[in-house]
C-alpha atoms as a PDB file:
ATOM      1  CA  MET A   1      66.207  75.968 129.509  1.00  0.00           C
ATOM      2  CA  LYS A   2      67.172  72.948 127.446  1.00  0.00           C
ATOM      3  CA  THR A   3      68.256  73.534 123.882  1.00  0.00           C
ATOM      4  CA  CYS A   4      65.245  73.557 121.571  1.00  0.00           C
ATOM      5  CA  VAL A   5      65.783  71.256 118.590  1.00  0.00           C
ATOM      6  CA  PHE A   6      63.338  73.289 116.499  1.00  0.00           C
ATOM      7  CA  CYS A   7      65.235  76.524 117.226  1.00  0.00           C
ATOM      8  CA  SER A   8      68.461  74.741 116.268  1.00  0.00           C
ATOM      9  CA  ILE A   9      66.878  73.728 112.965  1.00  0.00           C
ATOM     10  CA  THR A  10      65.574  77.214 112.145  1.00  0.00           C
ATOM     11  CA  ALA A  11      68.983  78.704 113.020  1.00  0.00           C
ATOM     12  CA  GLY A  12      70.684  76.273 110.639  1.00  0.00           C
ATOM     13  CA  GLU A  13      72.602  74.617 113.497  1.00  0.00           C
ATOM     14  CA  ALA A  14      70.904  71.202 113.197  1.00  0.00           C
ATOM     15  CA  PRO A  15      70.408  69.097 110.073  1.00  0.00           C
ATOM     16  CA  ALA A  16      67.015  69.209 108.389  1.00  0.00           C
ATOM     17  CA  SER A  17      65.390  68.361 105.102  1.00  0.00           C
ATOM     18  CA  ILE A  18      63.843  71.725 104.239  1.00  0.00           C
ATOM     19  CA  VAL A  19      60.648  71.621 102.173  1.00  0.00           C
ATOM     20  CA  ARG A  20      60.021  75.374 102.002  1.00  0.00           C
ATOM     21  CA  GLU A  21      61.281  78.571 103.639  1.00  0.00           C
ATOM     22  CA  TRP A  22      59.555  81.849 104.426  1.00  0.00           C
ATOM     23  CA  PRO A  23      60.902  84.948 106.194  1.00  0.00           C
ATOM     24  CA  GLY A  24      59.096  83.954 109.419  1.00  0.00           C
ATOM     25  CA  GLY A  25      59.487  80.189 109.284  1.00  0.00           C
ATOM     26  CA  LEU A  26      60.196  76.995 107.415  1.00  0.00           C
ATOM     27  CA  ALA A  27      58.729  73.587 106.685  1.00  0.00           C
ATOM     28  CA  VAL A  28      60.890  70.502 107.285  1.00  0.00           C
ATOM     29  CA  ARG A  29      60.489  66.750 107.005  1.00  0.00           C
ATOM     30  CA  PRO A  30      60.855  64.759 110.237  1.00  0.00           C
ATOM     31  CA  ARG A  31      64.170  62.884 110.409  1.00  0.00           C
ATOM     32  CA  SER A  32      62.266  59.699 111.276  1.00  0.00           C
ATOM     33  CA  GLY A  33      60.216  59.968 108.086  1.00  0.00           C
ATOM     34  CA  GLY A  34      57.070  60.972 109.945  1.00  0.00           C
ATOM     35  CA  VAL A  35      53.650  59.384 109.998  1.00  0.00           C
ATOM     36  CA  ASN A  36      53.306  59.358 106.191  1.00  0.00           C
ATOM     37  CA  ASP A  37      55.246  60.359 103.078  1.00  0.00           C
ATOM     38  CA  GLY A  38      53.982  63.943 103.113  1.00  0.00           C
ATOM     39  CA  HIS A  39      54.560  64.607 106.826  1.00  0.00           C
ATOM     40  CA  VAL A  40      56.157  68.016 107.475  1.00  0.00           C
ATOM     41  CA  PHE A  41      56.643  70.310 110.444  1.00  0.00           C
ATOM     42  CA  VAL A  42      55.956  74.002 109.857  1.00  0.00           C
ATOM     43  CA  LEU A  43      58.159  75.888 112.307  1.00  0.00           C
ATOM     44  CA  PRO A  44      58.337  79.552 113.267  1.00  0.00           C
ATOM     45  CA  ARG A  45      61.774  81.179 113.327  1.00  0.00           C
ATOM     46  CA  VAL A  46      61.140  82.379 116.887  1.00  0.00           C
ATOM     47  CA  HIS A  47      60.860  80.113 119.916  1.00  0.00           C
ATOM     48  CA  VAL A  48      57.391  79.510 121.333  1.00  0.00           C
ATOM     49  CA  ASP A  49      56.600  76.899 123.981  1.00  0.00           C
ATOM     50  CA  ASP A  50      53.461  75.688 122.201  1.00  0.00           C
ATOM     51  CA  ALA A  51      50.644  76.787 119.891  1.00  0.00           C
ATOM     52  CA  SER A  52      48.965  78.847 122.616  1.00  0.00           C
ATOM     53  CA  THR A  53      52.018  80.948 123.552  1.00  0.00           C
ATOM     54  CA  ASP A  54      51.794  83.659 120.891  1.00  0.00           C
ATOM     55  CA  PRO A  55      48.606  83.956 118.815  1.00  0.00           C
ATOM     56  CA  ASP A  56      50.357  85.985 116.088  1.00  0.00           C
ATOM     57  CA  VAL A  57      53.118  83.394 115.635  1.00  0.00           C
ATOM     58  CA  ASN A  58      50.533  80.591 115.713  1.00  0.00           C
ATOM     59  CA  ALA A  59      48.458  82.331 113.031  1.00  0.00           C
ATOM     60  CA  ALA A  60      51.509  82.819 110.789  1.00  0.00           C
ATOM     61  CA  VAL A  61      52.535  79.159 111.114  1.00  0.00           C
ATOM     62  CA  ARG A  62      49.008  77.940 110.379  1.00  0.00           C
ATOM     63  CA  ARG A  63      48.814  80.255 107.342  1.00  0.00           C
ATOM     64  CA  ARG A  64      52.020  78.682 105.976  1.00  0.00           C
ATOM     65  CA  ALA A  65      50.669  75.194 106.691  1.00  0.00           C
ATOM     66  CA  ALA A  66      47.494  76.092 104.779  1.00  0.00           C
ATOM     67  CA  GLU A  67      49.615  77.233 101.808  1.00  0.00           C
ATOM     68  CA  LEU A  68      51.288  73.822 101.741  1.00  0.00           C
ATOM     69  CA  MET A  69      47.947  72.025 102.153  1.00  0.00           C
ATOM     70  CA  ALA A  70      46.551  73.797  99.085  1.00  0.00           C
ATOM     71  CA  GLU A  71      49.076  71.836  96.996  1.00  0.00           C
ATOM     72  CA  HIS A  72      47.817  68.415  98.139  1.00  0.00           C
ATOM     73  CA  PRO A  73      44.504  66.584  97.657  1.00  0.00           C
ATOM     74  CA  ALA A  74      44.325  65.465 101.312  1.00  0.00           C
ATOM     75  CA  ALA A  75      46.062  66.828 104.423  1.00  0.00           C
ATOM     76  CA  ASN A  76      45.713  67.447 108.157  1.00  0.00           C
ATOM     77  CA  ILE A  77      46.899  70.253 110.413  1.00  0.00           C
ATOM     78  CA  ILE A  78      47.777  69.181 113.937  1.00  0.00           C
ATOM     79  CA  THR A  79      48.909  71.592 116.663  1.00  0.00           C
ATOM     80  CA  SER A  80      50.131  70.874 120.169  1.00  0.00           C
ATOM     81  CA  THR A  81      49.735  72.572 123.511  1.00  0.00           C
ATOM     82  CA  GLY A  82      51.440  71.329 126.643  1.00  0.00           C
END
């Protein structure tokens, strides 16, 4: 398996601009700046291939994303599979 950049970030082995941390995950800004000023990735601290791999991990990540969304007047949640 190739090294997962997201796992490297959550392990503190790769640089990241951390927005918020939780016991099970963290929110980071994309290094490229993202699509807009408020763009963040909400990452679990465990590796999953995509949003469909582990429903419990997916639910926890989406719950954290919803917490962040509650602080902004407009936001989107986008997940990926495949």
